[in-house]
PDB file of all heavy atoms in Angstrom:
ATOM      1  N   ASP A   1       1.342 -13.498  -9.167  1.00  0.00           N
ATOM      2  CA  ASP A   1       1.104 -12.476 -10.189  1.00  0.00           C
ATOM      3  C   ASP A   1       0.599 -11.182  -9.565  1.00  0.00           C
ATOM      4  O   ASP A   1       1.012 -10.094  -9.959  1.00  0.00           O
ATOM      5  CB  ASP A   1       0.093 -12.977 -11.230  1.00  0.00           C
ATOM      6  CG  ASP A   1       0.721 -13.931 -12.222  1.00  0.00           C
ATOM      7  OD1 ASP A   1       1.804 -13.610 -12.751  1.00  0.00           O
ATOM      8  OD2 ASP A   1       0.130 -14.994 -12.473  1.00  0.00           O
ATOM      9  N   ARG A   2      -0.300 -11.293  -8.592  1.00  0.00           N
ATOM     10  CA  ARG A   2      -0.831 -10.078  -7.950  1.00  0.00           C
ATOM     11  C   ARG A   2       0.262  -9.309  -7.212  1.00  0.00           C
ATOM     12  O   ARG A   2       0.289  -8.081  -7.248  1.00  0.00           O
ATOM     13  CB  ARG A   2      -1.979 -10.427  -7.005  1.00  0.00           C
ATOM     14  CG  ARG A   2      -3.257 -10.747  -7.735  1.00  0.00           C
ATOM     15  CD  ARG A   2      -4.483 -10.673  -6.845  1.00  0.00           C
ATOM     16  NE  ARG A   2      -4.335 -11.336  -5.580  1.00  0.00           N
ATOM     17  CZ  ARG A   2      -4.626 -12.618  -5.330  1.00  0.00           C
ATOM     18  NH1 ARG A   2      -5.099 -13.378  -6.296  1.00  0.00           N
ATOM     19  NH2 ARG A   2      -4.475 -13.132  -4.136  1.00  0.00           N
ATOM     20  N   GLU A   3       1.182 -10.023  -6.551  1.00  0.00           N
ATOM     21  CA  GLU A   3       2.258  -9.330  -5.847  1.00  0.00           C
ATOM     22  C   GLU A   3       3.160  -8.595  -6.843  1.00  0.00           C
ATOM     23  O   GLU A   3       3.489  -7.427  -6.648  1.00  0.00           O
ATOM     24  CB  GLU A   3       3.093 -10.300  -5.010  1.00  0.00           C
ATOM     25  CG  GLU A   3       4.203  -9.590  -4.253  1.00  0.00           C
ATOM     26  CD  GLU A   3       5.000 -10.497  -3.343  1.00  0.00           C
ATOM     27  OE1 GLU A   3       5.033 -11.721  -3.564  1.00  0.00           O
ATOM     28  OE2 GLU A   3       5.617  -9.951  -2.405  1.00  0.00           O
ATOM     29  N   LEU A   4       3.544  -9.262  -7.916  1.00  0.00           N
ATOM     30  CA  LEU A   4       4.376  -8.596  -8.912  1.00  0.00           C
ATOM     31  C   LEU A   4       3.621  -7.451  -9.576  1.00  0.00           C
ATOM     32  O   LEU A   4       4.200  -6.384  -9.806  1.00  0.00           O
ATOM     33  CB  LEU A   4       4.901  -9.601  -9.947  1.00  0.00           C
ATOM     34  CG  LEU A   4       6.236 -10.250  -9.567  1.00  0.00           C
ATOM     35  CD1 LEU A   4       6.151 -11.126  -8.349  1.00  0.00           C
ATOM     36  CD2 LEU A   4       6.817 -11.003 -10.730  1.00  0.00           C
ATOM     37  N   ASP A   5       2.328  -7.648  -9.874  1.00  0.00           N
ATOM     38  CA  ASP A   5       1.512  -6.562 -10.440  1.00  0.00           C
ATOM     39  C   ASP A   5       1.496  -5.349  -9.513  1.00  0.00           C
ATOM     40  O   ASP A   5       1.612  -4.209  -9.961  1.00  0.00           O
ATOM     41  CB  ASP A   5       0.073  -7.020 -10.684  1.00  0.00           C
ATOM     42  CG  ASP A   5      -0.080  -7.938 -11.874  1.00  0.00           C
ATOM     43  OD1 ASP A   5       0.858  -8.034 -12.696  1.00  0.00           O
ATOM     44  OD2 ASP A   5      -1.149  -8.579 -11.985  1.00  0.00           O
ATOM     45  N   PHE A   6       1.340  -5.594  -8.211  1.00  0.00           N
ATOM     46  CA  PHE A   6       1.313  -4.488  -7.252  1.00  0.00           C
ATOM     47  C   PHE A   6       2.606  -3.682  -7.330  1.00  0.00           C
ATOM     48  O   PHE A   6       2.585  -2.462  -7.460  1.00  0.00           O
ATOM     49  CB  PHE A   6       1.100  -5.000  -5.818  1.00  0.00           C
ATOM     50  CG  PHE A   6       1.310  -3.936  -4.790  1.00  0.00           C
ATOM     51  CD1 PHE A   6       0.335  -2.986  -4.546  1.00  0.00           C
ATOM     52  CD2 PHE A   6       2.509  -3.837  -4.093  1.00  0.00           C
ATOM     53  CE1 PHE A   6       0.534  -1.972  -3.623  1.00  0.00           C
ATOM     54  CE2 PHE A   6       2.724  -2.834  -3.168  1.00  0.00           C
ATOM     55  CZ  PHE A   6       1.734  -1.897  -2.930  1.00  0.00           C
ATOM     56  N   TYR A   7       3.740  -4.389  -7.248  1.00  0.00           N
ATOM     57  CA  TYR A   7       5.018  -3.672  -7.282  1.00  0.00           C
ATOM     58  C   TYR A   7       5.230  -2.975  -8.618  1.00  0.00           C
ATOM     59  O   TYR A   7       5.730  -1.845  -8.665  1.00  0.00           O
ATOM     60  CB  TYR A   7       6.185  -4.622  -6.989  1.00  0.00           C
ATOM     61  CG  TYR A   7       6.385  -4.840  -5.512  1.00  0.00           C
ATOM     62  CD1 TYR A   7       5.944  -6.000  -4.901  1.00  0.00           C
ATOM     63  CD2 TYR A   7       7.005  -3.874  -4.727  1.00  0.00           C
ATOM     64  CE1 TYR A   7       6.124  -6.193  -3.539  1.00  0.00           C
ATOM     65  CE2 TYR A   7       7.187  -4.055  -3.373  1.00  0.00           C
ATOM     66  CZ  TYR A   7       6.740  -5.211  -2.785  1.00  0.00           C
ATOM     67  OH  TYR A   7       6.913  -5.397  -1.435  1.00  0.00           O
ATOM     68  N   GLU A   8       4.867  -3.614  -9.718  1.00  0.00           N
ATOM     69  CA  GLU A   8       5.092  -3.031 -11.048  1.00  0.00           C
ATOM     70  C   GLU A   8       4.164  -1.856 -11.336  1.00  0.00           C
ATOM     71  O   GLU A   8       4.573  -0.904 -12.004  1.00  0.00           O
ATOM     72  CB  GLU A   8       4.878  -4.095 -12.120  1.00  0.00           C
ATOM     73  CG  GLU A   8       5.915  -5.187 -12.108  1.00  0.00           C
ATOM     74  CD  GLU A   8       5.533  -6.410 -12.936  1.00  0.00           C
ATOM     75  OE1 GLU A   8       4.402  -6.466 -13.475  1.00  0.00           O
ATOM     76  OE2 GLU A   8       6.364  -7.317 -13.037  1.00  0.00           O
ATOM     77  N   ARG A   9       2.940  -1.907 -10.845  1.00  0.00           N
ATOM     78  CA  ARG A   9       1.939  -0.919 -11.258  1.00  0.00           C
ATOM     79  C   ARG A   9       1.570   0.113 -10.200  1.00  0.00           C
ATOM     80  O   ARG A   9       1.201   1.233 -10.541  1.00  0.00           O
ATOM     81  CB  ARG A   9       0.677  -1.643 -11.703  1.00  0.00           C
ATOM     82  CG  ARG A   9       0.921  -2.542 -12.902  1.00  0.00           C
ATOM     83  CD  ARG A   9      -0.231  -3.452 -13.209  1.00  0.00           C
ATOM     84  NE  ARG A   9      -1.431  -2.703 -13.477  1.00  0.00           N
ATOM     85  CZ  ARG A   9      -2.651  -3.230 -13.414  1.00  0.00           C
ATOM     86  NH1 ARG A   9      -2.828  -4.483 -13.091  1.00  0.00           N
ATOM     87  NH2 ARG A   9      -3.699  -2.486 -13.683  1.00  0.00           N
ATOM     88  N   PHE A  10       1.625  -0.250  -8.910  1.00  0.00           N
ATOM     89  CA  PHE A  10       1.055   0.630  -7.890  1.00  0.00           C
ATOM     90  C   PHE A  10       2.007   1.081  -6.795  1.00  0.00           C
ATOM     91  O   PHE A  10       1.786   2.103  -6.163  1.00  0.00           O
ATOM     92  CB  PHE A  10      -0.146  -0.053  -7.213  1.00  0.00           C
ATOM     93  CG  PHE A  10      -1.207  -0.485  -8.170  1.00  0.00           C
ATOM     94  CD1 PHE A  10      -1.480  -1.833  -8.353  1.00  0.00           C
ATOM     95  CD2 PHE A  10      -1.926   0.434  -8.916  1.00  0.00           C
ATOM     96  CE1 PHE A  10      -2.448  -2.248  -9.246  1.00  0.00           C
ATOM     97  CE2 PHE A  10      -2.888   0.028  -9.808  1.00  0.00           C
ATOM     98  CZ  PHE A  10      -3.159  -1.315  -9.978  1.00  0.00           C
ATOM     99  N   ALA A  11       3.041   0.319  -6.496  1.00  0.00           N
ATOM    100  CA  ALA A  11       3.864   0.581  -5.319  1.00  0.00           C
ATOM    101  C   ALA A  11       4.457   1.981  -5.299  1.00  0.00           C
ATOM    102  O   ALA A  11       4.506   2.619  -4.246  1.00  0.00           O
ATOM    103  CB  ALA A  11       4.977  -0.461  -5.203  1.00  0.00           C
ATOM    104  N   ALA A  12       4.914   2.466  -6.432  1.00  0.00           N
ATOM    105  CA  ALA A  12       5.558   3.790  -6.480  1.00  0.00           C
ATOM    106  C   ALA A  12       4.610   4.905  -6.051  1.00  0.00           C
ATOM    107  O   ALA A  12       5.049   5.920  -5.502  1.00  0.00           O
ATOM    108  CB  ALA A  12       6.098   4.062  -7.874  1.00  0.00           C
ATOM    109  N   ASP A  13       3.300   4.741  -6.281  1.00  0.00           N
ATOM    110  CA  ASP A  13       2.320   5.777  -5.947  1.00  0.00           C
ATOM    111  C   ASP A  13       1.452   5.405  -4.749  1.00  0.00           C
ATOM    112  O   ASP A  13       0.470   6.081  -4.468  1.00  0.00           O
ATOM    113  CB  ASP A  13       1.418   6.036  -7.158  1.00  0.00           C
ATOM    114  CG  ASP A  13       2.210   6.537  -8.351  1.00  0.00           C
ATOM    115  OD1 ASP A  13       3.123   7.361  -8.163  1.00  0.00           O
ATOM    116  OD2 ASP A  13       1.928   6.084  -9.475  1.00  0.00           O
ATOM    117  N   PHE A  14       1.789   4.339  -4.060  1.00  0.00           N
ATOM    118  CA  PHE A  14       0.968   3.886  -2.935  1.00  0.00           C
ATOM    119  C   PHE A  14       1.051   4.901  -1.803  1.00  0.00           C
ATOM    120  O   PHE A  14       2.115   5.484  -1.560  1.00  0.00           O
ATOM    121  CB  PHE A  14       1.458   2.499  -2.480  1.00  0.00           C
ATOM    122  CG  PHE A  14       0.397   1.671  -1.851  1.00  0.00           C
ATOM    123  CD1 PHE A  14      -0.709   1.251  -2.582  1.00  0.00           C
ATOM    124  CD2 PHE A  14       0.482   1.307  -0.522  1.00  0.00           C
ATOM    125  CE1 PHE A  14      -1.689   0.484  -2.004  1.00  0.00           C
ATOM    126  CE2 PHE A  14      -0.500   0.534   0.063  1.00  0.00           C
ATOM    127  CZ  PHE A  14      -1.597   0.118  -0.675  1.00  0.00           C
ATOM    128  N   PRO A  15      -0.061   5.140  -1.077  1.00  0.00           N
ATOM    129  CA  PRO A  15      -0.067   6.203  -0.062  1.00  0.00           C
ATOM    130  C   PRO A  15       0.734   5.901   1.205  1.00  0.00           C
ATOM    131  O   PRO A  15       0.917   6.781   2.030  1.00  0.00           O
ATOM    132  CB  PRO A  15      -1.549   6.373   0.263  1.00  0.00           C
ATOM    133  CG  PRO A  15      -2.199   5.105  -0.143  1.00  0.00           C
ATOM    134  CD  PRO A  15      -1.379   4.554  -1.273  1.00  0.00           C
ATOM    135  N   VAL A  16       1.202   4.675   1.384  1.00  0.00           N
ATOM    136  CA  VAL A  16       2.084   4.355   2.509  1.00  0.00           C
ATOM    137  C   VAL A  16       3.407   3.834   1.945  1.00  0.00           C
ATOM    138  O   VAL A  16       3.464   3.364   0.808  1.00  0.00           O
ATOM    139  CB  VAL A  16       1.471   3.313   3.475  1.00  0.00           C
ATOM    140  CG1 VAL A  16       0.222   3.864   4.135  1.00  0.00           C
ATOM    141  CG2 VAL A  16       1.169   2.022   2.779  1.00  0.00           C
ATOM    142  N   ARG A  17       4.452   3.903   2.751  1.00  0.00           N
ATOM    143  CA  ARG A  17       5.769   3.478   2.276  1.00  0.00           C
ATOM    144  C   ARG A  17       5.802   1.963   2.073  1.00  0.00           C
ATOM    145  O   ARG A  17       5.453   1.200   2.951  1.00  0.00           O
ATOM    146  CB  ARG A  17       6.831   3.874   3.292  1.00  0.00           C
ATOM    147  CG  ARG A  17       8.244   3.662   2.784  1.00  0.00           C
ATOM    148  CD  ARG A  17       9.254   4.109   3.823  1.00  0.00           C
ATOM    149  NE  ARG A  17      10.632   4.099   3.471  1.00  0.00           N
ATOM    150  CZ  ARG A  17      11.329   3.135   2.918  1.00  0.00           C
ATOM    151  NH1 ARG A  17      10.753   2.032   2.576  1.00  0.00           N
ATOM    152  NH2 ARG A  17      12.620   3.252   2.682  1.00  0.00           N
ATOM    153  N   VAL A  18       6.227   1.557   0.898  1.00  0.00           N
ATOM    154  CA  VAL A  18       6.451   0.146   0.588  1.00  0.00           C
ATOM    155  C   VAL A  18       7.863   0.034   0.006  1.00  0.00           C
ATOM    156  O   VAL A  18       8.405   1.015  -0.504  1.00  0.00           O
ATOM    157  CB  VAL A  18       5.412  -0.430  -0.406  1.00  0.00           C
ATOM    158  CG1 VAL A  18       4.019  -0.411   0.190  1.00  0.00           C
ATOM    159  CG2 VAL A  18       5.424   0.305  -1.718  1.00  0.00           C
ATOM    160  N   PRO A  19       8.453  -1.147   0.084  1.00  0.00           N
ATOM    161  CA  PRO A  19       9.801  -1.292  -0.476  1.00  0.00           C
ATOM    162  C   PRO A  19       9.840  -0.933  -1.958  1.00  0.00           C
ATOM    163  O   PRO A  19       8.919  -1.245  -2.717  1.00  0.00           O
ATOM    164  CB  PRO A  19      10.108  -2.779  -0.279  1.00  0.00           C
ATOM    165  CG  PRO A  19       9.244  -3.187   0.864  1.00  0.00           C
ATOM    166  CD  PRO A  19       7.987  -2.368   0.721  1.00  0.00           C
ATOM    167  N   LYS A  20      10.903  -0.262  -2.340  1.00  0.00           N
ATOM    168  CA  LYS A  20      11.105   0.120  -3.740  1.00  0.00           C
ATOM    169  C   LYS A  20      11.354  -1.126  -4.583  1.00  0.00           C
ATOM    170  O   LYS A  20      12.097  -2.013  -4.189  1.00  0.00           O
ATOM    171  CB  LYS A  20      12.315   1.049  -3.821  1.00  0.00           C
ATOM    172  CG  LYS A  20      12.703   1.457  -5.210  1.00  0.00           C
ATOM    173  CD  LYS A  20      13.950   2.316  -5.173  1.00  0.00           C
ATOM    174  CE  LYS A  20      14.411   2.642  -6.570  1.00  0.00           C
ATOM    175  NZ  LYS A  20      15.612   3.458  -6.568  1.00  0.00           N
ATOM    176  N   LEU A  21      10.746  -1.191  -5.751  1.00  0.00           N
ATOM    177  CA  LEU A  21      10.968  -2.300  -6.677  1.00  0.00           C
ATOM    178  C   LEU A  21      12.244  -2.053  -7.470  1.00  0.00           C
ATOM    179  O   LEU A  21      12.424  -0.995  -8.060  1.00  0.00           O
ATOM    180  CB  LEU A  21       9.787  -2.428  -7.644  1.00  0.00           C
ATOM    181  CG  LEU A  21       9.964  -3.427  -8.788  1.00  0.00           C
ATOM    182  CD1 LEU A  21      10.069  -4.847  -8.244  1.00  0.00           C
ATOM    183  CD2 LEU A  21       8.810  -3.316  -9.775  1.00  0.00           C
ATOM    184  N   TYR A  22      13.116  -3.062  -7.494  1.00  0.00           N
ATOM    185  CA  TYR A  22      14.293  -3.014  -8.347  1.00  0.00           C
ATOM    186  C   TYR A  22      14.079  -3.863  -9.595  1.00  0.00           C
ATOM    187  O   TYR A  22      14.293  -3.396 -10.702  1.00  0.00           O
ATOM    188  CB  TYR A  22      15.540  -3.497  -7.605  1.00  0.00           C
ATOM    189  CG  TYR A  22      15.998  -2.555  -6.523  1.00  0.00           C
ATOM    190  CD1 TYR A  22      16.013  -2.958  -5.201  1.00  0.00           C
ATOM    191  CD2 TYR A  22      16.406  -1.257  -6.815  1.00  0.00           C
ATOM    192  CE1 TYR A  22      16.441  -2.093  -4.197  1.00  0.00           C
ATOM    193  CE2 TYR A  22      16.822  -0.390  -5.822  1.00  0.00           C
ATOM    194  CZ  TYR A  22      16.832  -0.812  -4.520  1.00  0.00           C
ATOM    195  OH  TYR A  22      17.246   0.043  -3.542  1.00  0.00           O
ATOM    196  N   VAL A  23      13.676  -5.102  -9.411  1.00  0.00           N
ATOM    197  CA  VAL A  23      13.515  -6.022 -10.536  1.00  0.00           C
ATOM    198  C   VAL A  23      12.363  -6.982 -10.239  1.00  0.00           C
ATOM    199  O   VAL A  23      12.260  -7.502  -9.133  1.00  0.00           O
ATOM    200  CB  VAL A  23      14.802  -6.855 -10.770  1.00  0.00           C
ATOM    201  CG1 VAL A  23      14.599  -7.880 -11.871  1.00  0.00           C
ATOM    202  CG2 VAL A  23      15.986  -5.960 -11.080  1.00  0.00           C
ATOM    203  N   SER A  24      11.512  -7.202 -11.224  1.00  0.00           N
ATOM    204  CA  SER A  24      10.516  -8.269 -11.135  1.00  0.00           C
ATOM    205  C   SER A  24      10.500  -8.958 -12.495  1.00  0.00           C
ATOM    206  O   SER A  24      10.553  -8.296 -13.526  1.00  0.00           O
ATOM    207  CB  SER A  24       9.129  -7.719 -10.792  1.00  0.00           C
ATOM    208  OG  SER A  24       8.636  -6.916 -11.828  1.00  0.00           O
ATOM    209  N   VAL A  25      10.458 -10.264 -12.455  1.00  0.00           N
ATOM    210  CA  VAL A  25      10.446 -11.024 -13.700  1.00  0.00           C
ATOM    211  C   VAL A  25       9.662 -12.312 -13.470  1.00  0.00           C
ATOM    212  O   VAL A  25       9.700 -12.888 -12.384  1.00  0.00           O
ATOM    213  CB  VAL A  25      11.896 -11.281 -14.210  1.00  0.00           C
ATOM    214  CG1 VAL A  25      12.687 -12.118 -13.253  1.00  0.00           C
ATOM    215  CG2 VAL A  25      11.905 -11.853 -15.594  1.00  0.00           C
ATOM    216  N   ARG A  26       8.908 -12.703 -14.494  1.00  0.00           N
ATOM    217  CA  ARG A  26       8.090 -13.921 -14.412  1.00  0.00           C
ATOM    218  C   ARG A  26       7.849 -14.474 -15.793  1.00  0.00           C
ATOM    219  O   ARG A  26       7.889 -13.746 -16.788  1.00  0.00           O
ATOM    220  CB  ARG A  26       6.770 -13.637 -13.726  1.00  0.00           C
ATOM    221  CG  ARG A  26       5.965 -12.558 -14.446  1.00  0.00           C
ATOM    222  CD  ARG A  26       4.722 -12.186 -13.703  1.00  0.00           C
ATOM    223  NE  ARG A  26       4.455 -10.765 -13.875  1.00  0.00           N
ATOM    224  CZ  ARG A  26       3.437 -10.141 -13.358  1.00  0.00           C
ATOM    225  NH1 ARG A  26       2.567 -10.787 -12.639  1.00  0.00           N
ATOM    226  NH2 ARG A  26       3.270  -8.867 -13.550  1.00  0.00           N
ATOM    227  N   ASP A  27       7.602 -15.771 -15.823  1.00  0.00           N
ATOM    228  CA  ASP A  27       7.216 -16.409 -17.072  1.00  0.00           C
ATOM    229  C   ASP A  27       5.837 -15.909 -17.475  1.00  0.00           C
ATOM    230  O   ASP A  27       5.020 -15.584 -16.612  1.00  0.00           O
ATOM    231  CB  ASP A  27       7.125 -17.924 -16.904  1.00  0.00           C
ATOM    232  CG  ASP A  27       8.486 -18.592 -16.863  1.00  0.00           C
ATOM    233  OD1 ASP A  27       9.417 -18.076 -17.491  1.00  0.00           O
ATOM    234  OD2 ASP A  27       8.600 -19.633 -16.202  1.00  0.00           O
TER     235      ASP A  27
END
């Protein structure tokens, strides 16, 4: 959950380059 939360909520504005999120889905 924390990994998906990171990509969904923070990755786009993170101060270092991280892979772009395309799709995340979970129960």
